[in-house]
Structures are given as C-alpha cells and as structure tokens.
Amino acid sequence: MSSPDIVVDKLTKAYGKFLAVDQISFEVPRGSIVGFLGPNGAGKTTTIRMLTCFMPPTSGRASVGGYDVFSQSIAVRERIGYLPENAPTYTEMRVGEYLAYRGRLHGIARSELKPRVAAVAEKCWLGDRLRWPIGTLSKGYRQRLGIADALLNNPPVLILDEPTVGLDPTQIRETRKMLAELAGQHTVLLSTHILSEVELTCQRVIIIGRGKILAQGTPDELKQECARRGLPGSKLVVEVRGPGPQIRMALGAMPGVEHVEVLGDGPVCTLALSGKLDGALRELIASTVVGRGWALREMRTTGTSLEEFFVQITDPGVDAGRASVAA
C-alpha cells in the first residue's frame, strides 16, 4: 500500500460536553478513492471541515500531504481541492468567467489560466458550457462546475462532500465515471451516504457513527464481516467432494446452520448454508470434512451487501467495538 496523503490520529471536536467527533483515527493512501460513510449527524461534515481547515479541532492530530492542519493550514489548503455539499457560486457569471475568477484566487499565473480552465472544463465535461450563465445550469452541471473548481490548481488531494446529492440516475453515473477517471491522479476522500456509490467507486471504506469510527476496510472485508454475523441474505457456499447425502446431513446438523440449499449434486456437492455463519462454524466444517475423509474444495460467503453491514453497525444498539475490521 502506498504512503498516506491524509493521516488522522485521535481527532476530536467538542461542543461543550457534546463530542461531535470523538478521537477518530484513519489514513487515506495516496492515489486512492476512500469512501467516508455515515448517517446524518454522524460527524462526517465536521471531520471534513477540520481536515480542510475551516474549523479547528479540539484535540488530536491530522495532516494532509505531510502538513499539519493545526500549524500549517495555508500549506494544507494549497494541497486540497474541496467540494462542499452545496457549492457556492455566482449564478450571474458565465462558467468560463467563474473558473477564471477562481483560478486567479488560487494564484494561477495569467499565462497558465486559460489553458488550465480549458483543461478542467474538458475533464468535467463542461467544454460546451463555458459561455453559459451558471444560473441556467442544471444541478448536475453545477456539481461538475464545483468539481472543476476543486481541480483548478491541480491539488494532490480532493475532498468531496456528497458530490452526487440531488442528481438524477444519469447524472450520478456520469459523476461516478468522472471520479473513476480521477483515481490515481488524485487522492480522493468521498463523503456520502449512498452505499452503491461506495461499492462501485471506492477502494476502501470508513464508516463513522455517533462521532466514532465504527469500521474501516475494503468493501469486500466489510461484506465478509456482514456474512460472518449471519445477516439476512448472507450465505456460506461450501464445495465438498464426497457422498452428497452424507455431506448434506452432516453440515445441516451443525450448530448455527438454519437452512441448507443444494446448488450442485454430483462428484462435488455444493451447498449454500444460511444461519449464524461465524468463524467457529467454518472451523467445524473444515474439521468435519477432513475427519470423514472428504475433500473440501472451497468455502466462500455470498449474498451480502455493504448496505446490510452499514445498517447494522450504525444502529445505536450495536456495540461499535465489535464492528471494527482490520485495516
């Protein structure tokens, strides 16, 4: 894994006795797209405002590109392209005029300004809208304009807060494609509550709830944790070479197995098990199959989704400590 562009260590934001963000720690590897998930009021936007130096932390540490958000805020801001949830614009300005104005604020040299505006407009599919007044643009085009603004000074880090909120399905697909094209060229922290976007776009996921990090890992790691807990829809698929009837009887009688579905019945018996699919069950299956002289071909989880895991661990009744997944 590459070195991190964003490092957060026990970052905290308190309002009196209320902890909006409570000692969270995570890293965002360079060149990756990381999803930052959480329900409304979880602490996502507060965390983003601290990382972008819009709001001072109460305690803890954070750095962007190796620069400290406490003591080197100007250097941090120079290295971040930030798209807030509701990006402010001047609706009476034309798209090209607005980007040129923003470029001057970024300190881009006059000789470089025109080609830079053209480049970000092309990247964000705004090339044919440069002369349009911003007030005439659809919500989708305004989001593209916000991303183009964030890209103007070619920052190594992009922090995007709900970039697809309010968009229709076609606009969401276009934005997702744009984000995929940014991968590798920029490090992206993507704040959202749309689970499908994270599964399709992000290499890693950080889930925050009630001001704390509840889980972090790859989408597959979180799905495996979901299956291990035996949530509805999750199944353990087992392939064993041996006598089908005996295998079905042995596995179906194991503690935690509530239902057995036959997916294949031949020299290799393939079963889908439902129930409490924890590590103990896997160990019992392996030892039983080997002990009876059968050949265990494969065990894999299926039928789980990131949404199921998200819903479970952000439920206030769930112990957050049990939800952690190794980074």
Protein backbone atom coordinates (compact mmCIF):
# COMPACT_ATOMS: atom_id res chain seq x y z
CA MET A 1 0.00 0.00 0.00
CA SER A 2 1.26 3.50 -0.88
CA SER A 3 2.06 6.09 1.78
CA PRO A 4 -0.97 8.03 3.10
CA ASP A 5 -1.90 11.51 1.89
CA ILE A 6 -4.30 12.01 4.81
CA VAL A 7 -3.44 10.92 8.35
CA VAL A 8 -5.91 11.39 11.21
CA ASP A 9 -4.92 10.49 14.78
CA LYS A 10 -7.41 10.74 17.67
CA LEU A 11 -9.05 13.79 16.10
CA THR A 12 -11.74 15.29 18.35
CA LYS A 13 -14.25 18.12 18.09
CA ALA A 14 -16.25 19.02 21.20
CA TYR A 15 -19.07 21.49 21.68
CA GLY A 16 -19.17 21.82 25.43
CA LYS A 17 -19.80 18.30 26.71
CA PHE A 18 -21.06 17.06 23.34
CA LEU A 19 -18.48 15.21 21.22
CA ALA A 20 -19.34 15.69 17.56
CA VAL A 21 -16.15 13.79 16.64
CA ASP A 22 -14.66 11.51 19.27
CA GLN A 23 -10.97 10.53 18.91
CA ILE A 24 -11.18 9.15 15.38
CA SER A 25 -8.14 7.74 13.57
CA PHE A 26 -7.74 6.70 9.93
CA GLU A 27 -5.47 7.03 6.88
CA VAL A 28 -6.16 7.64 3.20
CA PRO A 29 -3.48 6.08 0.96
CA ARG A 30 -2.01 8.21 -1.82
CA GLY A 31 -3.81 7.84 -5.16
CA SER A 32 -6.80 6.01 -3.70
CA ILE A 33 -10.52 6.77 -3.53
CA VAL A 34 -11.81 6.24 0.01
CA GLY A 35 -15.48 6.40 0.93
CA PHE A 36 -16.36 8.22 4.15
CA LEU A 37 -19.77 6.91 5.20
CA GLY A 38 -22.18 7.71 7.97
CA PRO A 39 -25.81 8.59 8.66
CA ASN A 40 -26.91 12.19 9.09
CA GLY A 41 -25.33 13.69 12.21
CA ALA A 42 -22.57 11.06 12.32
CA GLY A 43 -19.71 13.58 12.22
CA LYS A 44 -18.72 13.38 8.53
CA THR A 45 -19.03 17.05 7.68
CA THR A 46 -17.42 18.15 10.95
CA THR A 47 -14.43 15.91 10.19
CA ILE A 48 -14.16 17.30 6.65
CA ARG A 49 -14.29 20.88 7.92
CA MET A 50 -11.39 20.14 10.27
CA LEU A 51 -9.34 18.49 7.51
CA THR A 52 -9.92 21.44 5.18
CA CYS A 53 -9.02 23.94 7.94
CA PHE A 54 -12.47 25.52 8.00
CA MET A 55 -12.85 24.51 11.64
CA PRO A 56 -10.19 24.00 14.35
CA PRO A 57 -10.10 20.61 16.11
CA THR A 58 -10.45 20.45 19.88
CA SER A 59 -7.65 17.89 20.16
CA GLY A 60 -5.83 15.17 18.25
CA ARG A 61 -3.74 15.41 15.12
CA ALA A 62 -4.34 15.46 11.37
CA SER A 63 -2.14 16.07 8.36
CA VAL A 64 -2.71 16.40 4.62
CA GLY A 65 0.22 15.78 2.29
CA GLY A 66 2.50 15.78 5.32
CA TYR A 67 1.35 19.23 6.52
CA ASP A 68 -0.33 19.71 9.89
CA VAL A 69 -3.86 21.16 9.90
CA PHE A 70 -3.12 22.94 13.20
CA SER A 71 0.11 24.75 12.41
CA GLN A 72 0.39 24.67 8.59
CA SER A 73 -3.15 25.44 7.47
CA ILE A 74 -2.13 27.54 4.43
CA ALA A 75 0.02 24.70 3.07
CA VAL A 76 -2.83 22.26 3.69
CA ARG A 77 -5.33 24.44 1.80
CA GLU A 78 -2.96 24.73 -1.14
CA ARG A 79 -2.95 20.94 -1.46
CA ILE A 80 -6.69 20.33 -1.16
CA GLY A 81 -9.47 20.67 -3.69
CA TYR A 82 -12.70 20.88 -1.72
CA LEU A 83 -16.28 20.44 -2.92
CA PRO A 84 -18.78 21.23 -0.14
CA GLU A 85 -22.24 19.65 -0.24
CA ASN A 86 -23.76 22.90 -1.52
CA ALA A 87 -21.02 24.57 -3.55
CA PRO A 88 -21.45 28.37 -3.58
CA THR A 89 -21.29 30.07 -6.98
CA TYR A 90 -22.16 33.40 -8.58
CA THR A 91 -25.15 32.49 -10.71
CA GLU A 92 -24.96 35.63 -12.87
CA MET A 93 -21.41 34.76 -14.05
CA ARG A 94 -20.68 32.55 -17.03
CA VAL A 95 -18.98 29.20 -16.41
CA GLY A 96 -15.68 30.21 -18.04
CA GLU A 97 -15.65 33.58 -16.26
CA TYR A 98 -16.27 31.93 -12.91
CA LEU A 99 -13.49 29.37 -13.37
CA ALA A 100 -11.07 32.09 -14.45
CA TYR A 101 -12.01 34.15 -11.40
CA ARG A 102 -11.50 31.16 -9.11
CA GLY A 103 -8.19 30.41 -10.84
CA ARG A 104 -6.93 33.91 -10.04
CA LEU A 105 -7.90 33.38 -6.38
CA HIS A 106 -5.86 30.17 -6.46
CA GLY A 107 -2.88 32.19 -7.63
CA ILE A 108 -2.61 30.60 -11.08
CA ALA A 109 -0.41 32.69 -13.35
CA ARG A 110 -2.18 34.68 -16.10
CA SER A 111 -0.28 32.80 -18.83
CA GLU A 112 -1.46 29.46 -17.42
CA LEU A 113 -5.01 30.43 -16.57
CA LYS A 114 -6.77 29.98 -19.92
CA PRO A 115 -5.30 26.52 -20.69
CA ARG A 116 -5.95 25.42 -17.10
CA VAL A 117 -9.61 26.45 -17.27
CA ALA A 118 -9.95 24.64 -20.60
CA ALA A 119 -8.33 21.51 -19.14
CA VAL A 120 -10.60 21.22 -16.07
CA ALA A 121 -13.66 22.08 -18.16
CA GLU A 122 -12.81 19.24 -20.53
CA LYS A 123 -12.15 16.82 -17.68
CA CYS A 124 -15.51 17.66 -16.09
CA TRP A 125 -17.43 17.69 -19.39
CA LEU A 126 -18.09 21.42 -19.30
CA GLY A 127 -16.32 22.32 -22.55
CA ASP A 128 -19.59 23.18 -24.31
CA ARG A 129 -20.95 25.16 -21.34
CA LEU A 130 -18.18 27.72 -20.80
CA ARG A 131 -20.31 30.62 -22.11
CA TRP A 132 -23.46 29.57 -20.27
CA PRO A 133 -24.62 31.62 -17.24
CA ILE A 134 -24.30 29.46 -14.13
CA GLY A 135 -27.91 30.23 -13.19
CA THR A 136 -29.11 28.34 -16.29
CA LEU A 137 -27.23 25.13 -15.44
CA SER A 138 -28.91 22.01 -14.09
CA LYS A 139 -27.98 20.60 -10.70
CA GLY A 140 -25.74 18.03 -12.37
CA TYR A 141 -23.79 20.64 -14.32
CA ARG A 142 -23.39 22.77 -11.18
CA GLN A 143 -21.87 19.76 -9.40
CA ARG A 144 -19.47 19.34 -12.33
CA LEU A 145 -18.60 23.03 -12.02
CA GLY A 146 -17.86 22.53 -8.32
CA ILE A 147 -15.53 19.63 -9.10
CA ALA A 148 -13.84 21.65 -11.87
CA ASP A 149 -13.27 24.44 -9.35
CA ALA A 150 -11.74 21.94 -6.91
CA LEU A 151 -9.38 20.71 -9.65
CA LEU A 152 -8.21 24.13 -10.87
CA ASN A 153 -4.89 24.25 -9.01
CA ASN A 154 -4.32 20.51 -9.65
CA PRO A 155 -4.28 19.59 -5.93
CA PRO A 156 -2.95 16.19 -4.86
CA VAL A 157 -5.95 15.69 -2.53
CA LEU A 158 -9.66 16.06 -3.31
CA ILE A 159 -12.27 16.10 -0.55
CA LEU A 160 -15.78 15.80 -1.95
CA ASP A 161 -18.81 16.15 0.33
CA GLU A 162 -21.90 14.41 -1.13
CA PRO A 163 -20.96 15.08 -4.79
CA THR A 164 -23.99 13.17 -6.16
CA VAL A 165 -26.70 14.52 -3.82
CA GLY A 166 -29.76 15.70 -5.72
CA LEU A 167 -28.64 14.23 -9.05
CA ASP A 168 -30.77 12.02 -11.29
CA PRO A 169 -29.58 8.46 -12.16
CA THR A 170 -27.92 9.54 -15.42
CA GLN A 171 -26.05 12.38 -13.71
CA ILE A 172 -24.95 10.02 -10.93
CA ARG A 173 -23.49 7.60 -13.48
CA GLU A 174 -21.65 10.45 -15.21
CA THR A 175 -20.25 11.71 -11.91
CA ARG A 176 -19.17 8.20 -10.95
CA LYS A 177 -17.32 7.86 -14.26
CA MET A 178 -15.63 11.21 -13.64
CA LEU A 179 -14.49 10.09 -10.17
CA ALA A 180 -13.08 6.86 -11.60
CA GLU A 181 -11.03 8.91 -14.08
CA LEU A 182 -9.58 10.95 -11.20
CA ALA A 183 -8.30 7.83 -9.41
CA GLY A 184 -4.52 7.60 -9.34
CA GLN A 185 -4.09 11.24 -10.39
CA HIS A 186 -5.51 12.48 -7.08
CA THR A 187 -6.21 11.13 -3.62
CA VAL A 188 -9.97 11.34 -3.07
CA LEU A 189 -11.91 11.31 0.20
CA LEU A 190 -15.54 10.89 -0.81
CA SER A 191 -18.16 11.68 1.83
CA THR A 192 -21.53 10.13 1.04
CA HIS A 193 -24.40 8.10 2.42
CA ILE A 194 -25.15 6.38 -0.92
CA LEU A 195 -23.86 2.84 -0.43
CA SER A 196 -23.99 1.83 -4.09
CA GLU A 197 -21.62 4.69 -4.97
CA VAL A 198 -19.06 3.45 -2.49
CA GLU A 199 -19.20 -0.17 -3.67
CA LEU A 200 -18.71 0.88 -7.30
CA THR A 201 -16.14 3.64 -6.80
CA CYS A 202 -14.04 3.25 -3.64
CA GLN A 203 -11.08 1.01 -2.81
CA ARG A 204 -11.57 1.47 0.94
CA VAL A 205 -14.43 2.44 3.22
CA ILE A 206 -14.52 4.30 6.54
CA ILE A 207 -17.82 4.17 8.45
CA ILE A 208 -18.47 6.78 11.13
CA GLY A 209 -21.41 6.93 13.51
CA ARG A 210 -22.14 8.89 16.67
CA GLY A 211 -18.79 10.63 16.24
CA LYS A 212 -16.72 7.42 16.26
CA ILE A 213 -15.13 5.23 13.60
CA LEU A 214 -17.26 2.08 13.60
CA ALA A 215 -15.45 0.15 10.87
CA GLN A 216 -12.92 0.55 8.09
CA GLY A 217 -11.58 -1.74 5.40
CA THR A 218 -12.15 -2.70 1.77
CA PRO A 219 -15.75 -3.24 0.62
CA ASP A 220 -15.06 -7.00 0.43
CA GLU A 221 -13.70 -7.06 4.00
CA LEU A 222 -16.82 -5.34 5.28
CA LYS A 223 -19.07 -7.71 3.32
CA GLN A 224 -17.26 -10.67 4.83
CA GLU A 225 -17.84 -9.24 8.29
CA CYS A 226 -21.52 -8.84 7.39
CA ALA A 227 -21.70 -12.51 6.34
CA ARG A 228 -19.86 -13.64 9.47
CA ARG A 229 -22.61 -12.11 11.55
CA GLY A 230 -25.21 -14.10 9.64
CA LEU A 231 -27.31 -11.18 8.47
CA PRO A 232 -30.40 -11.90 6.32
CA GLY A 233 -29.39 -12.70 2.77
CA SER A 234 -25.87 -13.87 3.61
CA LYS A 235 -24.89 -17.45 2.80
CA LEU A 236 -21.87 -19.69 3.17
CA VAL A 237 -21.25 -21.68 -0.01
CA VAL A 238 -19.36 -24.93 0.61
CA GLU A 239 -17.98 -27.27 -2.06
CA VAL A 240 -17.03 -30.77 -0.91
CA ARG A 241 -16.01 -33.80 -2.96
CA GLY A 242 -17.73 -36.82 -1.46
CA PRO A 243 -21.13 -38.51 -0.93
CA GLY A 244 -23.79 -35.84 -1.31
CA PRO A 245 -26.47 -37.20 1.08
CA GLN A 246 -23.99 -37.72 3.91
CA ILE A 247 -22.43 -34.28 3.39
CA ARG A 248 -25.85 -32.58 3.44
CA MET A 249 -26.82 -34.40 6.62
CA ALA A 250 -23.55 -33.65 8.40
CA LEU A 251 -23.44 -29.95 7.53
CA GLY A 252 -27.16 -29.40 8.06
CA ALA A 253 -26.90 -30.74 11.62
CA MET A 254 -24.15 -28.31 12.65
CA PRO A 255 -24.88 -25.65 15.32
CA GLY A 256 -25.88 -22.35 13.74
CA VAL A 257 -26.98 -23.80 10.38
CA GLU A 258 -30.67 -22.98 9.86
CA HIS A 259 -31.14 -23.90 6.21
CA VAL A 260 -29.29 -25.93 3.57
CA GLU A 261 -29.76 -25.28 -0.15
CA VAL A 262 -28.34 -27.70 -2.72
CA LEU A 263 -26.62 -25.82 -5.54
CA GLY A 264 -24.89 -28.81 -7.13
CA ASP A 265 -25.11 -32.57 -6.57
CA GLY A 266 -22.53 -34.74 -8.25
CA PRO A 267 -18.97 -35.85 -7.52
CA VAL A 268 -18.67 -32.39 -5.93
CA CYS A 269 -21.52 -31.45 -3.59
CA THR A 270 -22.18 -27.70 -3.47
CA LEU A 271 -24.30 -26.38 -0.60
CA ALA A 272 -25.44 -22.89 0.45
CA LEU A 273 -25.78 -22.63 4.24
CA SER A 274 -27.82 -19.94 5.99
CA GLY A 275 -27.75 -19.06 9.69
CA LYS A 276 -25.03 -17.94 12.10
CA LEU A 277 -22.07 -18.02 9.75
CA ASP A 278 -19.23 -17.28 12.14
CA GLY A 279 -15.62 -18.44 12.25
CA ALA A 280 -16.44 -21.31 14.62
CA LEU A 281 -18.80 -22.80 12.02
CA ARG A 282 -16.14 -22.63 9.33
CA GLU A 283 -13.64 -24.39 11.58
CA LEU A 284 -16.20 -27.09 12.43
CA ILE A 285 -16.99 -27.66 8.74
CA ALA A 286 -13.31 -27.96 7.86
CA SER A 287 -12.51 -30.38 10.68
CA THR A 288 -15.60 -32.50 9.99
CA VAL A 289 -14.94 -32.76 6.26
CA VAL A 290 -11.27 -33.67 6.76
CA GLY A 291 -12.10 -36.08 9.60
CA ARG A 292 -14.51 -38.04 7.39
CA GLY A 293 -12.05 -38.28 4.53
CA TRP A 294 -13.88 -35.96 2.19
CA ALA A 295 -12.14 -33.21 0.15
CA LEU A 296 -13.01 -29.60 0.98
CA ARG A 297 -12.82 -27.68 -2.29
CA GLU A 298 -14.00 -24.20 -1.28
CA MET A 299 -15.82 -22.08 1.32
CA ARG A 300 -16.99 -18.58 0.42
CA THR A 301 -19.58 -16.06 1.55
CA THR A 302 -22.15 -14.66 -0.83
CA GLY A 303 -25.34 -12.67 -0.91
CA THR A 304 -24.16 -9.90 1.41
CA SER A 305 -24.10 -6.18 0.76
CA LEU A 306 -22.37 -3.16 2.20
CA GLU A 307 -25.80 -1.70 2.91
CA GLU A 308 -26.67 -4.55 5.28
CA PHE A 309 -23.42 -4.07 7.18
CA PHE A 310 -23.87 -0.29 7.28
CA VAL A 311 -27.41 -0.53 8.65
CA GLN A 312 -26.38 -2.97 11.36
CA ILE A 313 -23.34 -1.17 12.73
CA THR A 314 -24.86 2.32 12.63
CA ASP A 315 -27.78 1.10 14.74
CA PRO A 316 -27.28 2.69 18.18
CA GLY A 317 -27.91 -0.67 19.86
CA VAL A 318 -24.88 -2.29 18.24
CA ASP A 319 -21.59 -2.35 20.13
CA ALA A 320 -19.21 -0.37 17.94
CA GLY A 321 -16.21 -2.19 19.30
CA ARG A 322 -17.34 -5.42 17.72
CA ALA A 323 -17.74 -3.75 14.34
CA SER A 324 -14.09 -2.97 13.69
CA VAL A 325 -12.45 -4.59 10.70
CA ALA A 326 -8.67 -4.73 10.38
CA ALA A 327 -7.38 -2.02 8.13
